[in-house]
PDB file of N, CA and C in Angstrom:
ATOM      1  N   MET A   1      68.348 109.890  96.255  1.00  0.00           N
ATOM      2  CA  MET A   1      67.247 108.987  96.603  1.00  0.00           C
ATOM      3  C   MET A   1      67.210 107.796  95.636  1.00  0.00           C
ATOM      4  N   GLN A   2      67.055 106.620  96.205  1.00  0.00           N
ATOM      5  CA  GLN A   2      67.083 105.423  95.434  1.00  0.00           C
ATOM      6  C   GLN A   2      65.642 105.066  95.042  1.00  0.00           C
ATOM      7  N   ARG A   3      65.436 104.766  93.774  1.00  0.00           N
ATOM      8  CA  ARG A   3      64.120 104.393  93.272  1.00  0.00           C
ATOM      9  C   ARG A   3      63.890 102.892  93.496  1.00  0.00           C
ATOM     10  N   GLN A   4      62.635 102.563  93.764  1.00  0.00           N
ATOM     11  CA  GLN A   4      62.282 101.147  93.864  1.00  0.00           C
ATOM     12  C   GLN A   4      61.171 100.904  92.852  1.00  0.00           C
ATOM     13  N   TYR A   5      61.305  99.824  92.118  1.00  0.00           N
ATOM     14  CA  TYR A   5      60.315  99.440  91.135  1.00  0.00           C
ATOM     15  C   TYR A   5      59.593  98.203  91.564  1.00  0.00           C
ATOM     16  N   PHE A   6      58.340  98.174  91.351  1.00  0.00           N
ATOM     17  CA  PHE A   6      57.494  97.026  91.742  1.00  0.00           C
ATOM     18  C   PHE A   6      56.668  96.636  90.528  1.00  0.00           C
ATOM     19  N   ASN A   7      56.306  95.351  90.444  1.00  0.00           N
ATOM     20  CA  ASN A   7      55.353  94.928  89.429  1.00  0.00           C
ATOM     21  C   ASN A   7      53.962  95.270  89.912  1.00  0.00           C
ATOM     22  N   GLU A   8      52.970  94.983  89.114  1.00  0.00           N
ATOM     23  CA  GLU A   8      51.599  95.398  89.413  1.00  0.00           C
ATOM     24  C   GLU A   8      51.085  94.966  90.777  1.00  0.00           C
ATOM     25  N   THR A   9      51.534  93.837  91.232  1.00  0.00           N
ATOM     26  CA  THR A   9      50.981  93.284  92.467  1.00  0.00           C
ATOM     27  C   THR A   9      51.921  93.533  93.707  1.00  0.00           C
ATOM     28  N   ASN A  10      52.996  94.305  93.495  1.00  0.00           N
ATOM     29  CA  ASN A  10      53.978  94.495  94.528  1.00  0.00           C
ATOM     30  C   ASN A  10      54.516  93.208  95.083  1.00  0.00           C
ATOM     31  N   GLU A  11      54.647  92.192  94.215  1.00  0.00           N
ATOM     32  CA  GLU A  11      55.133  90.905  94.598  1.00  0.00           C
ATOM     33  C   GLU A  11      56.648  90.859  94.404  1.00  0.00           C
ATOM     34  N   ARG A  12      57.320  90.170  95.306  1.00  0.00           N
ATOM     35  CA  ARG A  12      58.783  90.045  95.197  1.00  0.00           C
ATOM     36  C   ARG A  12      59.153  89.231  93.988  1.00  0.00           C
ATOM     37  N   LEU A  13      60.195  89.674  93.346  1.00  0.00           N
ATOM     38  CA  LEU A  13      60.745  88.977  92.156  1.00  0.00           C
ATOM     39  C   LEU A  13      62.141  88.480  92.478  1.00  0.00           C
ATOM     40  N   LEU A  14      62.425  87.272  92.020  1.00  0.00           N
ATOM     41  CA  LEU A  14      63.728  86.620  92.298  1.00  0.00           C
ATOM     42  C   LEU A  14      64.562  86.474  91.050  1.00  0.00           C
ATOM     43  N   THR A  15      65.868  86.595  91.258  1.00  0.00           N
ATOM     44  CA  THR A  15      66.835  86.372  90.150  1.00  0.00           C
ATOM     45  C   THR A  15      67.075  84.892  90.011  1.00  0.00           C
ATOM     46  N   TYR A  16      67.730  84.518  88.901  1.00  0.00           N
ATOM     47  CA  TYR A  16      68.139  83.123  88.737  1.00  0.00           C
ATOM     48  C   TYR A  16      68.980  82.666  89.945  1.00  0.00           C
ATOM     49  N   GLU A  17      69.899  83.447  90.383  1.00  0.00           N
ATOM     50  CA  GLU A  17      70.738  83.066  91.500  1.00  0.00           C
ATOM     51  C   GLU A  17      69.948  82.831  92.761  1.00  0.00           C
ATOM     52  N   GLU A  18      68.980  83.677  93.031  1.00  0.00           N
ATOM     53  CA  GLU A  18      68.158  83.508  94.235  1.00  0.00           C
ATOM     54  C   GLU A  18      67.285  82.251  94.130  1.00  0.00           C
ATOM     55  N   VAL A  19      66.737  81.992  92.971  1.00  0.00           N
ATOM     56  CA  VAL A  19      65.950  80.777  92.762  1.00  0.00           C
ATOM     57  C   VAL A  19      66.816  79.551  92.930  1.00  0.00           C
ATOM     58  N   CYS A  20      68.016  79.571  92.397  1.00  0.00           N
ATOM     59  CA  CYS A  20      68.943  78.443  92.526  1.00  0.00           C
ATOM     60  C   CYS A  20      69.259  78.172  94.029  1.00  0.00           C
ATOM     61  N   ALA A  21      69.471  79.246  94.779  1.00  0.00           N
ATOM     62  CA  ALA A  21      69.755  79.090  96.216  1.00  0.00           C
ATOM     63  C   ALA A  21      68.557  78.456  96.942  1.00  0.00           C
ATOM     64  N   VAL A  22      67.349  78.863  96.590  1.00  0.00           N
ATOM     65  CA  VAL A  22      66.168  78.341  97.301  1.00  0.00           C
ATOM     66  C   VAL A  22      65.882  76.891  96.871  1.00  0.00           C
ATOM     67  N   THR A  23      66.023  76.583  95.603  1.00  0.00           N
ATOM     68  CA  THR A  23      65.626  75.287  95.095  1.00  0.00           C
ATOM     69  C   THR A  23      66.814  74.272  95.154  1.00  0.00           C
ATOM     70  N   GLN A  24      67.998  74.707  95.363  1.00  0.00           N
ATOM     71  CA  GLN A  24      69.196  73.899  95.345  1.00  0.00           C
ATOM     72  C   GLN A  24      69.445  73.281  93.997  1.00  0.00           C
ATOM     73  N   LEU A  25      69.058  73.996  92.907  1.00  0.00           N
ATOM     74  CA  LEU A  25      69.310  73.531  91.573  1.00  0.00           C
ATOM     75  C   LEU A  25      70.435  74.406  90.978  1.00  0.00           C
ATOM     76  N   SER A  26      71.213  73.825  90.070  1.00  0.00           N
ATOM     77  CA  SER A  26      72.169  74.688  89.346  1.00  0.00           C
ATOM     78  C   SER A  26      71.474  75.536  88.358  1.00  0.00           C
ATOM     79  N   GLN A  27      72.138  76.593  87.890  1.00  0.00           N
ATOM     80  CA  GLN A  27      71.505  77.453  86.839  1.00  0.00           C
ATOM     81  C   GLN A  27      71.287  76.655  85.603  1.00  0.00           C
ATOM     82  N   ALA A  28      72.132  75.792  85.248  1.00  0.00           N
ATOM     83  CA  ALA A  28      71.962  75.007  84.005  1.00  0.00           C
ATOM     84  C   ALA A  28      70.716  74.105  84.098  1.00  0.00           C
ATOM     85  N   THR A  29      70.544  73.482  85.276  1.00  0.00           N
ATOM     86  CA  THR A  29      69.383  72.634  85.495  1.00  0.00           C
ATOM     87  C   THR A  29      68.089  73.464  85.499  1.00  0.00           C
ATOM     88  N   LEU A  30      68.134  74.598  86.180  1.00  0.00           N
ATOM     89  CA  LEU A  30      66.962  75.466  86.248  1.00  0.00           C
ATOM     90  C   LEU A  30      66.585  75.925  84.829  1.00  0.00           C
ATOM     91  N   ARG A  31      67.543  76.316  84.072  1.00  0.00           N
ATOM     92  CA  ARG A  31      67.273  76.715  82.679  1.00  0.00           C
ATOM     93  C   ARG A  31      66.689  75.608  81.855  1.00  0.00           C
ATOM     94  N   ARG A  32      67.189  74.371  82.043  1.00  0.00           N
ATOM     95  CA  ARG A  32      66.605  73.211  81.327  1.00  0.00           C
ATOM     96  C   ARG A  32      65.175  72.973  81.782  1.00  0.00           C
ATOM     97  N   TYR A  33      64.901  73.070  83.046  1.00  0.00           N
ATOM     98  CA  TYR A  33      63.553  72.904  83.555  1.00  0.00           C
ATOM     99  C   TYR A  33      62.589  73.958  82.983  1.00  0.00           C
ATOM    100  N   VAL A  34      63.022  75.193  82.893  1.00  0.00           N
ATOM    101  CA  VAL A  34      62.201  76.229  82.338  1.00  0.00           C
ATOM    102  C   VAL A  34      61.921  75.968  80.872  1.00  0.00           C
ATOM    103  N   LYS A  35      62.953  75.603  80.131  1.00  0.00           N
ATOM    104  CA  LYS A  35      62.808  75.325  78.719  1.00  0.00           C
ATOM    105  C   LYS A  35      61.849  74.160  78.449  1.00  0.00           C
ATOM    106  N   ALA A  36      61.916  73.167  79.316  1.00  0.00           N
ATOM    107  CA  ALA A  36      61.078  71.974  79.176  1.00  0.00           C
ATOM    108  C   ALA A  36      59.682  72.140  79.745  1.00  0.00           C
ATOM    109  N   GLY A  37      59.435  73.262  80.381  1.00  0.00           N
ATOM    110  CA  GLY A  37      58.110  73.534  80.955  1.00  0.00           C
ATOM    111  C   GLY A  37      57.930  72.840  82.341  1.00  0.00           C
ATOM    112  N   ARG A  38      59.013  72.407  82.931  1.00  0.00           N
ATOM    113  CA  ARG A  38      58.945  71.784  84.234  1.00  0.00           C
ATOM    114  C   ARG A  38      59.080  72.743  85.413  1.00  0.00           C
ATOM    115  N   PHE A  39      59.339  74.015  85.069  1.00  0.00           N
ATOM    116  CA  PHE A  39      59.458  75.094  86.095  1.00  0.00           C
ATOM    117  C   PHE A  39      58.803  76.344  85.509  1.00  0.00           C
ATOM    118  N   PRO A  40      58.138  77.134  86.371  1.00  0.00           N
ATOM    119  CA  PRO A  40      57.486  78.344  85.863  1.00  0.00           C
ATOM    120  C   PRO A  40      58.418  79.280  85.101  1.00  0.00           C
ATOM    121  N   ALA A  41      57.951  79.764  84.001  1.00  0.00           N
ATOM    122  CA  ALA A  41      58.759  80.672  83.172  1.00  0.00           C
ATOM    123  C   ALA A  41      58.994  82.015  83.887  1.00  0.00           C
ATOM    124  N   PRO A  42      60.149  82.623  83.709  1.00  0.00           N
ATOM    125  CA  PRO A  42      60.393  83.942  84.290  1.00  0.00           C
ATOM    126  C   PRO A  42      59.651  85.001  83.478  1.00  0.00           C
ATOM    127  N   ILE A  43      59.567  86.184  84.116  1.00  0.00           N
ATOM    128  CA  ILE A  43      58.965  87.352  83.463  1.00  0.00           C
ATOM    129  C   ILE A  43      60.025  88.385  83.201  1.00  0.00           C
ATOM    130  N   LYS A  44      59.712  89.347  82.347  1.00  0.00           N
ATOM    131  CA  LYS A  44      60.593  90.462  82.120  1.00  0.00           C
ATOM    132  C   LYS A  44      59.988  91.667  82.823  1.00  0.00           C
ATOM    133  N   PRO A  45      60.616  92.142  83.885  1.00  0.00           N
ATOM    134  CA  PRO A  45      60.079  93.298  84.657  1.00  0.00           C
ATOM    135  C   PRO A  45      60.069  94.546  83.762  1.00  0.00           C
ATOM    136  N   ASN A  46      61.053  94.655  82.887  1.00  0.00           N
ATOM    137  CA  ASN A  46      61.125  95.801  81.970  1.00  0.00           C
ATOM    138  C   ASN A  46      61.083  95.263  80.542  1.00  0.00           C
ATOM    139  N   PRO A  47      59.972  95.443  79.877  1.00  0.00           N
ATOM    140  CA  PRO A  47      59.837  94.829  78.507  1.00  0.00           C
ATOM    141  C   PRO A  47      60.937  95.180  77.536  1.00  0.00           C
ATOM    142  N   SER A  48      61.579  96.346  77.713  1.00  0.00           N
ATOM    143  CA  SER A  48      62.626  96.678  76.773  1.00  0.00           C
ATOM    144  C   SER A  48      64.028  96.266  77.282  1.00  0.00           C
ATOM    145  N   GLY A  49      64.078  95.663  78.465  1.00  0.00           N
ATOM    146  CA  GLY A  49      65.360  95.257  79.018  1.00  0.00           C
ATOM    147  C   GLY A  49      65.602  93.775  78.805  1.00  0.00           C
ATOM    148  N   ARG A  50      66.741  93.325  79.254  1.00  0.00           N
ATOM    149  CA  ARG A  50      67.150  91.929  79.072  1.00  0.00           C
ATOM    150  C   ARG A  50      66.908  91.122  80.355  1.00  0.00           C
ATOM    151  N   ALA A  51      66.806  91.735  81.493  1.00  0.00           N
ATOM    152  CA  ALA A  51      66.700  91.061  82.742  1.00  0.00           C
ATOM    153  C   ALA A  51      65.415  90.258  82.831  1.00  0.00           C
ATOM    154  N   VAL A  52      65.475  89.053  83.467  1.00  0.00           N
ATOM    155  CA  VAL A  52      64.299  88.261  83.720  1.00  0.00           C
ATOM    156  C   VAL A  52      64.276  87.967  85.203  1.00  0.00           C
ATOM    157  N   ARG A  53      63.081  87.790  85.754  1.00  0.00           N
ATOM    158  CA  ARG A  53      62.906  87.493  87.187  1.00  0.00           C
ATOM    159  C   ARG A  53      61.767  86.468  87.318  1.00  0.00           C
ATOM    160  N   PHE A  54      61.816  85.764  88.445  1.00  0.00           N
ATOM    161  CA  PHE A  54      60.770  84.793  88.790  1.00  0.00           C
ATOM    162  C   PHE A  54      59.896  85.314  89.883  1.00  0.00           C
ATOM    163  N   ARG A  55      58.610  85.144  89.718  1.00  0.00           N
ATOM    164  CA  ARG A  55      57.679  85.492  90.801  1.00  0.00           C
ATOM    165  C   ARG A  55      57.843  84.559  91.995  1.00  0.00           C
ATOM    166  N   ILE A  56      57.982  85.116  93.146  1.00  0.00           N
ATOM    167  CA  ILE A  56      58.250  84.288  94.326  1.00  0.00           C
ATOM    168  C   ILE A  56      57.103  83.298  94.561  1.00  0.00           C
ATOM    169  N   GLN A  57      55.878  83.729  94.255  1.00  0.00           N
ATOM    170  CA  GLN A  57      54.743  82.817  94.482  1.00  0.00           C
ATOM    171  C   GLN A  57      54.788  81.601  93.535  1.00  0.00           C
ATOM    172  N   ASP A  58      55.252  81.849  92.310  1.00  0.00           N
ATOM    173  CA  ASP A  58      55.399  80.742  91.330  1.00  0.00           C
ATOM    174  C   ASP A  58      56.422  79.738  91.837  1.00  0.00           C
ATOM    175  N   VAL A  59      57.529  80.230  92.458  1.00  0.00           N
ATOM    176  CA  VAL A  59      58.582  79.355  92.964  1.00  0.00           C
ATOM    177  C   VAL A  59      57.998  78.577  94.165  1.00  0.00           C
ATOM    178  N   ARG A  60      57.301  79.258  95.039  1.00  0.00           N
ATOM    179  CA  ARG A  60      56.693  78.595  96.225  1.00  0.00           C
ATOM    180  C   ARG A  60      55.719  77.521  95.777  1.00  0.00           C
ATOM    181  N   ASP A  61      54.897  77.819  94.822  1.00  0.00           N
ATOM    182  CA  ASP A  61      53.935  76.835  94.350  1.00  0.00           C
ATOM    183  C   ASP A  61      54.628  75.602  93.743  1.00  0.00           C
ATOM    184  N   TRP A  62      55.701  75.834  93.000  1.00  0.00           N
ATOM    185  CA  TRP A  62      56.445  74.739  92.409  1.00  0.00           C
ATOM    186  C   TRP A  62      57.073  73.844  93.513  1.00  0.00           C
ATOM    187  N   LEU A  63      57.624  74.483  94.571  1.00  0.00           N
ATOM    188  CA  LEU A  63      58.218  73.748  95.657  1.00  0.00           C
ATOM    189  C   LEU A  63      57.121  72.932  96.382  1.00  0.00           C
ATOM    190  N   ASP A  64      55.944  73.475  96.542  1.00  0.00           N
ATOM    191  CA  ASP A  64      54.869  72.807  97.221  1.00  0.00           C
ATOM    192  C   ASP A  64      54.427  71.560  96.464  1.00  0.00           C
ATOM    193  N   ARG A  65      54.579  71.547  95.136  1.00  0.00           N
ATOM    194  CA  ARG A  65      54.165  70.396  94.312  1.00  0.00           C
ATOM    195  C   ARG A  65      55.177  69.278  94.323  1.00  0.00           C
ATOM    196  N   LEU A  66      56.347  69.480  94.897  1.00  0.00           N
ATOM    197  CA  LEU A  66      57.400  68.437  94.904  1.00  0.00           C
ATOM    198  C   LEU A  66      56.953  67.298  95.837  1.00  0.00           C
TER     199      LEU A  66
END
């Protein structure tokens, strides 16, 4: 049986690759935008892990502001 993990709000989380596909930004540009505060910061779904994800609603809100 495969386990599925969800954050508190059962909201979909996106990887850097998925966000790049949606926004048409390169990973380097996306990382620069995050560092400069021009794009919503990712979250760590597992505090002890290295993976980071973006909340889909944050990405949608950013796209709506363009």
